[in-house]
Amino acid sequence: IFIAYVVKRHDSFLLLTCYTLLFTAFLTMWYYAYSSKRVRW
């Protein structure tokens, strides 16, 4: 929501910081998706 509605393309540091945090969250969710129930969720 913050990236899509607030951040501008030229806000490089803010954009990359948010993207890095997003990717960290993505990898965390991938790591803990060890059951079919969690995959569906």
PDB file of all heavy atoms in Angstrom:
ATOM      1  N   ILE A   1       0.839  -1.203   0.000  1.00  0.00           N
ATOM      2  CA  ILE A   1       0.000   0.000   0.000  1.00  0.00           C
ATOM      3  C   ILE A   1       0.870   1.248   0.000  1.00  0.00           C
ATOM      4  O   ILE A   1       0.607   2.212  -0.736  1.00  0.00           O
ATOM      5  CB  ILE A   1      -0.949  -0.019   1.223  1.00  0.00           C
ATOM      6  CG1 ILE A   1      -1.996  -1.126   1.054  1.00  0.00           C
ATOM      7  CG2 ILE A   1      -1.625   1.332   1.400  1.00  0.00           C
ATOM      8  CD1 ILE A   1      -2.875  -1.329   2.260  1.00  0.00           C
ATOM      9  N   PHE A   2       1.931   1.245   0.801  1.00  0.00           N
ATOM     10  CA  PHE A   2       2.816   2.409   0.888  1.00  0.00           C
ATOM     11  C   PHE A   2       3.521   2.670  -0.441  1.00  0.00           C
ATOM     12  O   PHE A   2       3.580   3.802  -0.929  1.00  0.00           O
ATOM     13  CB  PHE A   2       3.845   2.195   1.996  1.00  0.00           C
ATOM     14  CG  PHE A   2       4.734   3.374   2.238  1.00  0.00           C
ATOM     15  CD1 PHE A   2       4.219   4.570   2.727  1.00  0.00           C
ATOM     16  CD2 PHE A   2       6.085   3.305   1.950  1.00  0.00           C
ATOM     17  CE1 PHE A   2       5.039   5.674   2.949  1.00  0.00           C
ATOM     18  CE2 PHE A   2       6.923   4.395   2.166  1.00  0.00           C
ATOM     19  CZ  PHE A   2       6.395   5.584   2.663  1.00  0.00           C
ATOM     20  N   ILE A   3       4.046   1.598  -1.075  1.00  0.00           N
ATOM     21  CA  ILE A   3       4.732   1.759  -2.357  1.00  0.00           C
ATOM     22  C   ILE A   3       3.764   2.220  -3.440  1.00  0.00           C
ATOM     23  O   ILE A   3       4.067   3.122  -4.230  1.00  0.00           O
ATOM     24  CB  ILE A   3       5.409   0.439  -2.779  1.00  0.00           C
ATOM     25  CG1 ILE A   3       6.576   0.117  -1.845  1.00  0.00           C
ATOM     26  CG2 ILE A   3       5.916   0.519  -4.225  1.00  0.00           C
ATOM     27  CD1 ILE A   3       7.225  -1.231  -2.111  1.00  0.00           C
ATOM     28  N   ALA A   4       2.585   1.608  -3.489  1.00  0.00           N
ATOM     29  CA  ALA A   4       1.639   1.887  -4.565  1.00  0.00           C
ATOM     30  C   ALA A   4       0.977   3.253  -4.449  1.00  0.00           C
ATOM     31  O   ALA A   4       0.710   3.913  -5.464  1.00  0.00           O
ATOM     32  CB  ALA A   4       0.570   0.797  -4.604  1.00  0.00           C
ATOM     33  N   TYR A   5       0.722   3.704  -3.231  1.00  0.00           N
ATOM     34  CA  TYR A   5      -0.055   4.927  -3.054  1.00  0.00           C
ATOM     35  C   TYR A   5       0.772   6.137  -2.604  1.00  0.00           C
ATOM     36  O   TYR A   5       0.272   7.271  -2.659  1.00  0.00           O
ATOM     37  CB  TYR A   5      -1.173   4.687  -2.031  1.00  0.00           C
ATOM     38  CG  TYR A   5      -2.235   3.717  -2.488  1.00  0.00           C
ATOM     39  CD1 TYR A   5      -2.114   2.354  -2.222  1.00  0.00           C
ATOM     40  CD2 TYR A   5      -3.357   4.155  -3.198  1.00  0.00           C
ATOM     41  CE1 TYR A   5      -3.085   1.451  -2.639  1.00  0.00           C
ATOM     42  CE2 TYR A   5      -4.330   3.260  -3.614  1.00  0.00           C
ATOM     43  CZ  TYR A   5      -4.192   1.916  -3.334  1.00  0.00           C
ATOM     44  OH  TYR A   5      -5.152   1.015  -3.756  1.00  0.00           O
ATOM     45  N   VAL A   6       2.002   5.911  -2.169  1.00  0.00           N
ATOM     46  CA  VAL A   6       2.784   7.020  -1.598  1.00  0.00           C
ATOM     47  C   VAL A   6       4.115   7.240  -2.306  1.00  0.00           C
ATOM     48  O   VAL A   6       4.437   8.348  -2.723  1.00  0.00           O
ATOM     49  CB  VAL A   6       3.031   6.795  -0.087  1.00  0.00           C
ATOM     50  CG1 VAL A   6       3.873   7.936   0.486  1.00  0.00           C
ATOM     51  CG2 VAL A   6       1.709   6.662   0.674  1.00  0.00           C
ATOM     52  N   VAL A   7       4.897   6.173  -2.459  1.00  0.00           N
ATOM     53  CA  VAL A   7       6.271   6.307  -2.958  1.00  0.00           C
ATOM     54  C   VAL A   7       6.284   6.715  -4.430  1.00  0.00           C
ATOM     55  O   VAL A   7       5.493   6.208  -5.229  1.00  0.00           O
ATOM     56  CB  VAL A   7       7.044   4.991  -2.765  1.00  0.00           C
ATOM     57  CG1 VAL A   7       8.471   5.111  -3.315  1.00  0.00           C
ATOM     58  CG2 VAL A   7       7.074   4.613  -1.291  1.00  0.00           C
ATOM     59  N   LYS A   8       7.197   7.605  -4.788  1.00  0.00           N
ATOM     60  CA  LYS A   8       7.395   8.018  -6.170  1.00  0.00           C
ATOM     61  C   LYS A   8       8.587   7.260  -6.767  1.00  0.00           C
ATOM     62  O   LYS A   8       9.464   6.801  -6.050  1.00  0.00           O
ATOM     63  CB  LYS A   8       7.639   9.524  -6.262  1.00  0.00           C
ATOM     64  CG  LYS A   8       6.535  10.366  -5.646  1.00  0.00           C
ATOM     65  CD  LYS A   8       5.210  10.141  -6.342  1.00  0.00           C
ATOM     66  CE  LYS A   8       4.107  11.014  -5.736  1.00  0.00           C
ATOM     67  NZ  LYS A   8       2.788  10.717  -6.325  1.00  0.00           N
ATOM     68  N   ARG A   9       8.614   7.184  -8.094  1.00  0.00           N
ATOM     69  CA  ARG A   9       9.667   6.422  -8.760  1.00  0.00           C
ATOM     70  C   ARG A   9      11.059   6.960  -8.463  1.00  0.00           C
ATOM     71  O   ARG A   9      12.029   6.198  -8.399  1.00  0.00           O
ATOM     72  CB  ARG A   9       9.413   6.418 -10.281  1.00  0.00           C
ATOM     73  CG  ARG A   9      10.397   5.586 -11.061  1.00  0.00           C
ATOM     74  CD  ARG A   9       9.937   5.348 -12.479  1.00  0.00           C
ATOM     75  NE  ARG A   9       9.814   6.576 -13.241  1.00  0.00           N
ATOM     76  CZ  ARG A   9       9.478   6.626 -14.538  1.00  0.00           C
ATOM     77  NH1 ARG A   9       9.219   5.495 -15.186  1.00  0.00           N
ATOM     78  NH2 ARG A   9       9.380   7.776 -15.175  1.00  0.00           N
ATOM     79  N   HIS A  10      11.182   8.276  -8.276  1.00  0.00           N
ATOM     80  CA  HIS A  10      12.499   8.867  -8.042  1.00  0.00           C
ATOM     81  C   HIS A  10      12.937   8.802  -6.573  1.00  0.00           C
ATOM     82  O   HIS A  10      14.054   9.199  -6.245  1.00  0.00           O
ATOM     83  CB  HIS A  10      12.525  10.322  -8.514  1.00  0.00           C
ATOM     84  CG  HIS A  10      11.497  11.178  -7.846  1.00  0.00           C
ATOM     85  ND1 HIS A  10      10.250  11.401  -8.394  1.00  0.00           N
ATOM     86  CD2 HIS A  10      11.524  11.878  -6.676  1.00  0.00           C
ATOM     87  CE1 HIS A  10       9.566  12.194  -7.595  1.00  0.00           C
ATOM     88  NE2 HIS A  10      10.313  12.491  -6.550  1.00  0.00           N
ATOM     89  N   ASP A  11      12.071   8.295  -5.684  1.00  0.00           N
ATOM     90  CA  ASP A  11      12.452   8.123  -4.275  1.00  0.00           C
ATOM     91  C   ASP A  11      13.246   6.829  -4.123  1.00  0.00           C
ATOM     92  O   ASP A  11      12.797   5.854  -3.503  1.00  0.00           O
ATOM     93  CB  ASP A  11      11.194   8.087  -3.391  1.00  0.00           C
ATOM     94  CG  ASP A  11      10.429   9.391  -3.404  1.00  0.00           C
ATOM     95  OD1 ASP A  11      11.067  10.441  -3.588  1.00  0.00           O
ATOM     96  OD2 ASP A  11       9.192   9.367  -3.237  1.00  0.00           O
ATOM     97  N   SER A  12      14.442   6.817  -4.677  1.00  0.00           N
ATOM     98  CA  SER A  12      15.206   5.574  -4.828  1.00  0.00           C
ATOM     99  C   SER A  12      15.471   4.866  -3.504  1.00  0.00           C
ATOM    100  O   SER A  12      15.212   3.662  -3.361  1.00  0.00           O
ATOM    101  CB  SER A  12      16.537   5.862  -5.516  1.00  0.00           C
ATOM    102  OG  SER A  12      16.327   6.424  -6.786  1.00  0.00           O
ATOM    103  N   PHE A  13      15.994   5.588  -2.526  1.00  0.00           N
ATOM    104  CA  PHE A  13      16.347   4.957  -1.257  1.00  0.00           C
ATOM    105  C   PHE A  13      15.116   4.377  -0.578  1.00  0.00           C
ATOM    106  O   PHE A  13      15.124   3.229  -0.099  1.00  0.00           O
ATOM    107  CB  PHE A  13      17.033   5.964  -0.339  1.00  0.00           C
ATOM    108  CG  PHE A  13      17.381   5.397   1.024  1.00  0.00           C
ATOM    109  CD1 PHE A  13      18.482   4.560   1.175  1.00  0.00           C
ATOM    110  CD2 PHE A  13      16.587   5.673   2.123  1.00  0.00           C
ATOM    111  CE1 PHE A  13      18.794   4.022   2.425  1.00  0.00           C
ATOM    112  CE2 PHE A  13      16.888   5.138   3.371  1.00  0.00           C
ATOM    113  CZ  PHE A  13      17.998   4.312   3.516  1.00  0.00           C
ATOM    114  N   LEU A  14      14.046   5.144  -0.529  1.00  0.00           N
ATOM    115  CA  LEU A  14      12.809   4.693   0.109  1.00  0.00           C
ATOM    116  C   LEU A  14      12.230   3.497  -0.638  1.00  0.00           C
ATOM    117  O   LEU A  14      11.800   2.503  -0.023  1.00  0.00           O
ATOM    118  CB  LEU A  14      11.799   5.842   0.151  1.00  0.00           C
ATOM    119  CG  LEU A  14      10.490   5.593   0.904  1.00  0.00           C
ATOM    120  CD1 LEU A  14      10.768   5.229   2.355  1.00  0.00           C
ATOM    121  CD2 LEU A  14       9.598   6.829   0.817  1.00  0.00           C
ATOM    122  N   LEU A  15      12.253   3.561  -1.968  1.00  0.00           N
ATOM    123  CA  LEU A  15      11.697   2.482  -2.780  1.00  0.00           C
ATOM    124  C   LEU A  15      12.472   1.184  -2.585  1.00  0.00           C
ATOM    125  O   LEU A  15      11.880   0.111  -2.371  1.00  0.00           O
ATOM    126  CB  LEU A  15      11.712   2.890  -4.258  1.00  0.00           C
ATOM    127  CG  LEU A  15      11.155   1.872  -5.259  1.00  0.00           C
ATOM    128  CD1 LEU A  15       9.696   1.557  -4.959  1.00  0.00           C
ATOM    129  CD2 LEU A  15      11.306   2.400  -6.686  1.00  0.00           C
ATOM    130  N   LEU A  16      13.793   1.261  -2.630  1.00  0.00           N
ATOM    131  CA  LEU A  16      14.602   0.051  -2.480  1.00  0.00           C
ATOM    132  C   LEU A  16      14.545  -0.510  -1.067  1.00  0.00           C
ATOM    133  O   LEU A  16      14.587  -1.727  -0.875  1.00  0.00           O
ATOM    134  CB  LEU A  16      16.050   0.346  -2.872  1.00  0.00           C
ATOM    135  CG  LEU A  16      16.307   0.616  -4.352  1.00  0.00           C
ATOM    136  CD1 LEU A  16      17.790   0.817  -4.603  1.00  0.00           C
ATOM    137  CD2 LEU A  16      15.783  -0.519  -5.221  1.00  0.00           C
ATOM    138  N   THR A  17      14.435   0.366  -0.077  1.00  0.00           N
ATOM    139  CA  THR A  17      14.296  -0.101   1.307  1.00  0.00           C
ATOM    140  C   THR A  17      12.999  -0.880   1.477  1.00  0.00           C
ATOM    141  O   THR A  17      12.980  -1.986   2.052  1.00  0.00           O
ATOM    142  CB  THR A  17      14.322   1.086   2.281  1.00  0.00           C
ATOM    143  OG1 THR A  17      15.567   1.782   2.157  1.00  0.00           O
ATOM    144  CG2 THR A  17      14.163   0.598   3.718  1.00  0.00           C
ATOM    145  N   CYS A  18      11.916  -0.320   0.969  1.00  0.00           N
ATOM    146  CA  CYS A  18      10.612  -0.992   1.053  1.00  0.00           C
ATOM    147  C   CYS A  18      10.628  -2.306   0.283  1.00  0.00           C
ATOM    148  O   CYS A  18      10.087  -3.324   0.751  1.00  0.00           O
ATOM    149  CB  CYS A  18       9.506  -0.083   0.508  1.00  0.00           C
ATOM    150  SG  CYS A  18       9.155   1.351   1.536  1.00  0.00           S
ATOM    151  N   TYR A  19      11.261  -2.298  -0.889  1.00  0.00           N
ATOM    152  CA  TYR A  19      11.305  -3.515  -1.703  1.00  0.00           C
ATOM    153  C   TYR A  19      12.130  -4.603  -1.015  1.00  0.00           C
ATOM    154  O   TYR A  19      11.774  -5.786  -1.053  1.00  0.00           O
ATOM    155  CB  TYR A  19      11.886  -3.201  -3.083  1.00  0.00           C
ATOM    156  CG  TYR A  19      11.743  -4.340  -4.064  1.00  0.00           C
ATOM    157  CD1 TYR A  19      10.504  -4.651  -4.619  1.00  0.00           C
ATOM    158  CD2 TYR A  19      12.840  -5.112  -4.431  1.00  0.00           C
ATOM    159  CE1 TYR A  19      10.367  -5.702  -5.515  1.00  0.00           C
ATOM    160  CE2 TYR A  19      12.715  -6.160  -5.324  1.00  0.00           C
ATOM    161  CZ  TYR A  19      11.470  -6.448  -5.868  1.00  0.00           C
ATOM    162  OH  TYR A  19      11.341  -7.496  -6.751  1.00  0.00           O
ATOM    163  N   THR A  20      13.213  -4.208  -0.382  1.00  0.00           N
ATOM    164  CA  THR A  20      14.039  -5.168   0.355  1.00  0.00           C
ATOM    165  C   THR A  20      13.244  -5.797   1.501  1.00  0.00           C
ATOM    166  O   THR A  20      13.305  -7.012   1.731  1.00  0.00           O
ATOM    167  CB  THR A  20      15.301  -4.489   0.906  1.00  0.00           C
ATOM    168  OG1 THR A  20      16.051  -3.941  -0.186  1.00  0.00           O
ATOM    169  CG2 THR A  20      16.173  -5.474   1.668  1.00  0.00           C
ATOM    170  N   LEU A  21      12.495  -4.981   2.222  1.00  0.00           N
ATOM    171  CA  LEU A  21      11.647  -5.509   3.296  1.00  0.00           C
ATOM    172  C   LEU A  21      10.559  -6.426   2.739  1.00  0.00           C
ATOM    173  O   LEU A  21      10.248  -7.474   3.320  1.00  0.00           O
ATOM    174  CB  LEU A  21      11.013  -4.350   4.072  1.00  0.00           C
ATOM    175  CG  LEU A  21      11.980  -3.508   4.919  1.00  0.00           C
ATOM    176  CD1 LEU A  21      11.257  -2.285   5.486  1.00  0.00           C
ATOM    177  CD2 LEU A  21      12.577  -4.343   6.043  1.00  0.00           C
ATOM    178  N   LEU A  22       9.999  -6.043   1.597  1.00  0.00           N
ATOM    179  CA  LEU A  22       8.985  -6.886   0.950  1.00  0.00           C
ATOM    180  C   LEU A  22       9.569  -8.238   0.575  1.00  0.00           C
ATOM    181  O   LEU A  22       8.931  -9.284   0.775  1.00  0.00           O
ATOM    182  CB  LEU A  22       8.459  -6.203  -0.320  1.00  0.00           C
ATOM    183  CG  LEU A  22       7.154  -5.429  -0.240  1.00  0.00           C
ATOM    184  CD1 LEU A  22       6.787  -4.871  -1.616  1.00  0.00           C
ATOM    185  CD2 LEU A  22       6.027  -6.299   0.286  1.00  0.00           C
ATOM    186  N   PHE A  23      10.761  -8.217   0.024  1.00  0.00           N
ATOM    187  CA  PHE A  23      11.380  -9.469  -0.396  1.00  0.00           C
ATOM    188  C   PHE A  23      11.725 -10.341   0.805  1.00  0.00           C
ATOM    189  O   PHE A  23      11.618 -11.575   0.746  1.00  0.00           O
ATOM    190  CB  PHE A  23      12.628  -9.186  -1.228  1.00  0.00           C
ATOM    191  CG  PHE A  23      12.773 -10.108  -2.405  1.00  0.00           C
ATOM    192  CD1 PHE A  23      12.153  -9.823  -3.606  1.00  0.00           C
ATOM    193  CD2 PHE A  23      13.508 -11.283  -2.297  1.00  0.00           C
ATOM    194  CE1 PHE A  23      12.266 -10.681  -4.685  1.00  0.00           C
ATOM    195  CE2 PHE A  23      13.631 -12.154  -3.368  1.00  0.00           C
ATOM    196  CZ  PHE A  23      13.012 -11.844  -4.567  1.00  0.00           C
ATOM    197  N   THR A  24      12.127  -9.707   1.885  1.00  0.00           N
ATOM    198  CA  THR A  24      12.404 -10.452   3.114  1.00  0.00           C
ATOM    199  C   THR A  24      11.135 -11.132   3.623  1.00  0.00           C
ATOM    200  O   THR A  24      11.159 -12.306   4.038  1.00  0.00           O
ATOM    201  CB  THR A  24      12.967  -9.514   4.191  1.00  0.00           C
ATOM    202  OG1 THR A  24      14.159  -8.881   3.693  1.00  0.00           O
ATOM    203  CG2 THR A  24      13.296 -10.283   5.464  1.00  0.00           C
ATOM    204  N   ALA A  25      10.025 -10.395   3.585  1.00  0.00           N
ATOM    205  CA  ALA A  25       8.746 -10.972   4.009  1.00  0.00           C
ATOM    206  C   ALA A  25       8.339 -12.119   3.077  1.00  0.00           C
ATOM    207  O   ALA A  25       7.827 -13.158   3.533  1.00  0.00           O
ATOM    208  CB  ALA A  25       7.673  -9.889   4.018  1.00  0.00           C
ATOM    209  N   PHE A  26       8.571 -11.942   1.782  1.00  0.00           N
ATOM    210  CA  PHE A  26       8.268 -12.988   0.798  1.00  0.00           C
ATOM    211  C   PHE A  26       9.055 -14.263   1.086  1.00  0.00           C
ATOM    212  O   PHE A  26       8.498 -15.376   1.102  1.00  0.00           O
ATOM    213  CB  PHE A  26       8.564 -12.448  -0.606  1.00  0.00           C
ATOM    214  CG  PHE A  26       8.824 -13.501  -1.643  1.00  0.00           C
ATOM    215  CD1 PHE A  26       7.867 -14.457  -1.955  1.00  0.00           C
ATOM    216  CD2 PHE A  26      10.028 -13.526  -2.335  1.00  0.00           C
ATOM    217  CE1 PHE A  26       8.107 -15.428  -2.927  1.00  0.00           C
ATOM    218  CE2 PHE A  26      10.281 -14.482  -3.295  1.00  0.00           C
ATOM    219  CZ  PHE A  26       9.316 -15.437  -3.602  1.00  0.00           C
ATOM    220  N   LEU A  27      10.337 -14.127   1.327  1.00  0.00           N
ATOM    221  CA  LEU A  27      11.178 -15.296   1.622  1.00  0.00           C
ATOM    222  C   LEU A  27      10.770 -15.964   2.935  1.00  0.00           C
ATOM    223  O   LEU A  27      10.816 -17.199   3.059  1.00  0.00           O
ATOM    224  CB  LEU A  27      12.647 -14.882   1.682  1.00  0.00           C
ATOM    225  CG  LEU A  27      13.272 -14.403   0.362  1.00  0.00           C
ATOM    226  CD1 LEU A  27      14.705 -13.951   0.586  1.00  0.00           C
ATOM    227  CD2 LEU A  27      13.200 -15.491  -0.699  1.00  0.00           C
ATOM    228  N   THR A  28      10.353 -15.150   3.899  1.00  0.00           N
ATOM    229  CA  THR A  28       9.892 -15.704   5.178  1.00  0.00           C
ATOM    230  C   THR A  28       8.637 -16.547   4.980  1.00  0.00           C
ATOM    231  O   THR A  28       8.529 -17.671   5.499  1.00  0.00           O
ATOM    232  CB  THR A  28       9.594 -14.561   6.168  1.00  0.00           C
ATOM    233  OG1 THR A  28      10.781 -13.792   6.377  1.00  0.00           O
ATOM    234  CG2 THR A  28       9.107 -15.115   7.499  1.00  0.00           C
ATOM    235  N   MET A  29       7.689 -16.017   4.209  1.00  0.00           N
ATOM    236  CA  MET A  29       6.450 -16.762   3.954  1.00  0.00           C
ATOM    237  C   MET A  29       6.729 -18.029   3.157  1.00  0.00           C
ATOM    238  O   MET A  29       6.122 -19.076   3.401  1.00  0.00           O
ATOM    239  CB  MET A  29       5.447 -15.856   3.233  1.00  0.00           C
ATOM    240  CG  MET A  29       4.898 -14.742   4.125  1.00  0.00           C
ATOM    241  SD  MET A  29       3.604 -13.732   3.358  1.00  0.00           S
ATOM    242  CE  MET A  29       4.578 -12.707   2.246  1.00  0.00           C
ATOM    243  N   TRP A  30       7.655 -17.960   2.211  1.00  0.00           N
ATOM    244  CA  TRP A  30       8.037 -19.148   1.438  1.00  0.00           C
ATOM    245  C   TRP A  30       8.663 -20.208   2.356  1.00  0.00           C
ATOM    246  O   TRP A  30       8.355 -21.393   2.257  1.00  0.00           O
ATOM    247  CB  TRP A  30       9.007 -18.736   0.335  1.00  0.00           C
ATOM    248  CG  TRP A  30       9.850 -19.851  -0.212  1.00  0.00           C
ATOM    249  CD1 TRP A  30      11.164 -20.101   0.059  1.00  0.00           C
ATOM    250  CD2 TRP A  30       9.436 -20.876  -1.122  1.00  0.00           C
ATOM    251  NE1 TRP A  30      11.595 -21.215  -0.617  1.00  0.00           N
ATOM    252  CE2 TRP A  30      10.566 -21.711  -1.351  1.00  0.00           C
ATOM    253  CE3 TRP A  30       8.242 -21.176  -1.759  1.00  0.00           C
ATOM    254  CZ2 TRP A  30      10.514 -22.816  -2.199  1.00  0.00           C
ATOM    255  CZ3 TRP A  30       8.193 -22.276  -2.603  1.00  0.00           C
ATOM    256  CH2 TRP A  30       9.313 -23.081  -2.814  1.00  0.00           C
ATOM    257  N   TYR A  31       9.506 -19.763   3.259  1.00  0.00           N
ATOM    258  CA  TYR A  31      10.211 -20.693   4.158  1.00  0.00           C
ATOM    259  C   TYR A  31       9.240 -21.452   5.062  1.00  0.00           C
ATOM    260  O   TYR A  31       9.412 -22.651   5.322  1.00  0.00           O
ATOM    261  CB  TYR A  31      11.227 -19.920   4.994  1.00  0.00           C
ATOM    262  CG  TYR A  31      11.990 -20.774   5.978  1.00  0.00           C
ATOM    263  CD1 TYR A  31      13.031 -21.591   5.553  1.00  0.00           C
ATOM    264  CD2 TYR A  31      11.657 -20.761   7.340  1.00  0.00           C
ATOM    265  CE1 TYR A  31      13.733 -22.381   6.462  1.00  0.00           C
ATOM    266  CE2 TYR A  31      12.358 -21.547   8.246  1.00  0.00           C
ATOM    267  CZ  TYR A  31      13.391 -22.349   7.802  1.00  0.00           C
ATOM    268  OH  TYR A  31      14.074 -23.132   8.696  1.00  0.00           O
ATOM    269  N   TYR A  32       8.217 -20.763   5.543  1.00  0.00           N
ATOM    270  CA  TYR A  32       7.297 -21.384   6.496  1.00  0.00           C
ATOM    271  C   TYR A  32       6.068 -22.020   5.841  1.00  0.00           C
ATOM    272  O   TYR A  32       5.171 -22.497   6.539  1.00  0.00           O
ATOM    273  CB  TYR A  32       6.836 -20.350   7.521  1.00  0.00           C
ATOM    274  CG  TYR A  32       7.899 -20.025   8.549  1.00  0.00           C
ATOM    275  CD1 TYR A  32       8.477 -18.763   8.598  1.00  0.00           C
ATOM    276  CD2 TYR A  32       8.339 -20.985   9.461  1.00  0.00           C
ATOM    277  CE1 TYR A  32       9.458 -18.453   9.538  1.00  0.00           C
ATOM    278  CE2 TYR A  32       9.314 -20.700  10.393  1.00  0.00           C
ATOM    279  CZ  TYR A  32       9.871 -19.421  10.426  1.00  0.00           C
ATOM    280  OH  TYR A  32      10.842 -19.133  11.353  1.00  0.00           O
ATOM    281  N   ALA A  33       6.025 -22.033   4.510  1.00  0.00           N
ATOM    282  CA  ALA A  33       4.875 -22.647   3.818  1.00  0.00           C
ATOM    283  C   ALA A  33       5.112 -24.141   3.662  1.00  0.00           C
ATOM    284  O   ALA A  33       5.300 -24.663   2.566  1.00  0.00           O
ATOM    285  CB  ALA A  33       4.680 -21.985   2.454  1.00  0.00           C
ATOM    286  N   TYR A  34       5.116 -24.869   4.788  1.00  0.00           N
ATOM    287  CA  TYR A  34       5.481 -26.288   4.780  1.00  0.00           C
ATOM    288  C   TYR A  34       4.268 -27.213   4.733  1.00  0.00           C
ATOM    289  O   TYR A  34       4.408 -28.433   4.726  1.00  0.00           O
ATOM    290  CB  TYR A  34       6.343 -26.640   5.994  1.00  0.00           C
ATOM    291  CG  TYR A  34       5.804 -26.123   7.309  1.00  0.00           C
ATOM    292  CD1 TYR A  34       4.699 -26.700   7.914  1.00  0.00           C
ATOM    293  CD2 TYR A  34       6.414 -25.039   7.937  1.00  0.00           C
ATOM    294  CE1 TYR A  34       4.201 -26.228   9.102  1.00  0.00           C
ATOM    295  CE2 TYR A  34       5.923 -24.551   9.132  1.00  0.00           C
ATOM    296  CZ  TYR A  34       4.823 -25.149   9.720  1.00  0.00           C
ATOM    297  OH  TYR A  34       4.338 -24.656  10.892  1.00  0.00           O
ATOM    298  N   SER A  35       3.046 -26.667   4.706  1.00  0.00           N
ATOM    299  CA  SER A  35       1.854 -27.517   4.639  1.00  0.00           C
ATOM    300  C   SER A  35       0.924 -26.997   3.550  1.00  0.00           C
ATOM    301  O   SER A  35       0.952 -25.822   3.191  1.00  0.00           O
ATOM    302  CB  SER A  35       1.113 -27.525   5.984  1.00  0.00           C
ATOM    303  OG  SER A  35       0.541 -26.257   6.251  1.00  0.00           O
ATOM    304  N   SER A  36       0.104 -27.890   3.014  1.00  0.00           N
ATOM    305  CA  SER A  36      -0.831 -27.508   1.955  1.00  0.00           C
ATOM    306  C   SER A  36      -1.837 -26.467   2.444  1.00  0.00           C
ATOM    307  O   SER A  36      -2.260 -25.595   1.690  1.00  0.00           O
ATOM    308  CB  SER A  36      -1.564 -28.742   1.437  1.00  0.00           C
ATOM    309  OG  SER A  36      -2.259 -29.403   2.497  1.00  0.00           O
ATOM    310  N   LYS A  37      -2.205 -26.553   3.725  1.00  0.00           N
ATOM    311  CA  LYS A  37      -3.131 -25.579   4.290  1.00  0.00           C
ATOM    312  C   LYS A  37      -2.521 -24.178   4.256  1.00  0.00           C
ATOM    313  O   LYS A  37      -3.191 -23.199   3.908  1.00  0.00           O
ATOM    314  CB  LYS A  37      -3.504 -25.972   5.723  1.00  0.00           C
ATOM    315  CG  LYS A  37      -4.493 -25.027   6.389  1.00  0.00           C
ATOM    316  CD  LYS A  37      -4.832 -25.509   7.793  1.00  0.00           C
ATOM    317  CE  LYS A  37      -5.810 -24.554   8.478  1.00  0.00           C
ATOM    318  NZ  LYS A  37      -6.139 -25.010   9.854  1.00  0.00           N
ATOM    319  N   ARG A  38      -1.265 -24.085   4.627  1.00  0.00           N
ATOM    320  CA  ARG A  38      -0.601 -22.774   4.627  1.00  0.00           C
ATOM    321  C   ARG A  38      -0.378 -22.271   3.209  1.00  0.00           C
ATOM    322  O   ARG A  38      -0.460 -21.074   2.940  1.00  0.00           O
ATOM    323  CB  ARG A  38       0.722 -22.864   5.374  1.00  0.00           C
ATOM    324  CG  ARG A  38       0.511 -22.965   6.868  1.00  0.00           C
ATOM    325  CD  ARG A  38       1.726 -22.592   7.649  1.00  0.00           C
ATOM    326  NE  ARG A  38       1.388 -22.450   9.058  1.00  0.00           N
ATOM    327  CZ  ARG A  38       2.267 -22.264  10.019  1.00  0.00           C
ATOM    328  NH1 ARG A  38       3.555 -22.183   9.703  1.00  0.00           N
ATOM    329  NH2 ARG A  38       1.885 -22.135  11.271  1.00  0.00           N
ATOM    330  N   VAL A  39      -0.113 -23.169   2.288  1.00  0.00           N
ATOM    331  CA  VAL A  39       0.052 -22.759   0.884  1.00  0.00           C
ATOM    332  C   VAL A  39      -1.250 -22.142   0.380  1.00  0.00           C
ATOM    333  O   VAL A  39      -1.241 -21.080  -0.261  1.00  0.00           O
ATOM    334  CB  VAL A  39       0.461 -23.965   0.011  1.00  0.00           C
ATOM    335  CG1 VAL A  39       0.392 -23.592  -1.469  1.00  0.00           C
ATOM    336  CG2 VAL A  39       1.868 -24.427   0.372  1.00  0.00           C
ATOM    337  N   ARG A  40      -2.386 -22.796   0.675  1.00  0.00           N
ATOM    338  CA  ARG A  40      -3.685 -22.259   0.242  1.00  0.00           C
ATOM    339  C   ARG A  40      -3.933 -20.892   0.862  1.00  0.00           C
ATOM    340  O   ARG A  40      -4.416 -19.957   0.196  1.00  0.00           O
ATOM    341  CB  ARG A  40      -4.807 -23.235   0.608  1.00  0.00           C
ATOM    342  CG  ARG A  40      -4.823 -24.500  -0.229  1.00  0.00           C
ATOM    343  CD  ARG A  40      -6.121 -25.258  -0.050  1.00  0.00           C
ATOM    344  NE  ARG A  40      -6.274 -25.749   1.317  1.00  0.00           N
ATOM    345  CZ  ARG A  40      -5.836 -26.930   1.744  1.00  0.00           C
ATOM    346  NH1 ARG A  40      -5.218 -27.753   0.902  1.00  0.00           N
ATOM    347  NH2 ARG A  40      -6.020 -27.315   3.000  1.00  0.00           N
ATOM    348  N   TRP A  41      -3.600 -20.768   2.138  1.00  0.00           N
ATOM    349  CA  TRP A  41      -3.801 -19.489   2.836  1.00  0.00           C
ATOM    350  C   TRP A  41      -2.935 -18.396   2.227  1.00  0.00           C
ATOM    351  O   TRP A  41      -3.379 -17.259   2.032  1.00  0.00           O
ATOM    352  CB  TRP A  41      -3.474 -19.674   4.319  1.00  0.00           C
ATOM    353  CG  TRP A  41      -3.698 -18.426   5.125  1.00  0.00           C
ATOM    354  CD1 TRP A  41      -4.878 -17.973   5.624  1.00  0.00           C
ATOM    355  CD2 TRP A  41      -2.700 -17.470   5.514  1.00  0.00           C
ATOM    356  NE1 TRP A  41      -4.676 -16.796   6.308  1.00  0.00           N
ATOM    357  CE2 TRP A  41      -3.356 -16.458   6.247  1.00  0.00           C
ATOM    358  CE3 TRP A  41      -1.318 -17.376   5.320  1.00  0.00           C
ATOM    359  CZ2 TRP A  41      -2.674 -15.369   6.777  1.00  0.00           C
ATOM    360  CZ3 TRP A  41      -0.638 -16.292   5.850  1.00  0.00           C
ATOM    361  CH2 TRP A  41      -1.315 -15.305   6.567  1.00  0.00           C
TER     362      TRP A  41
END
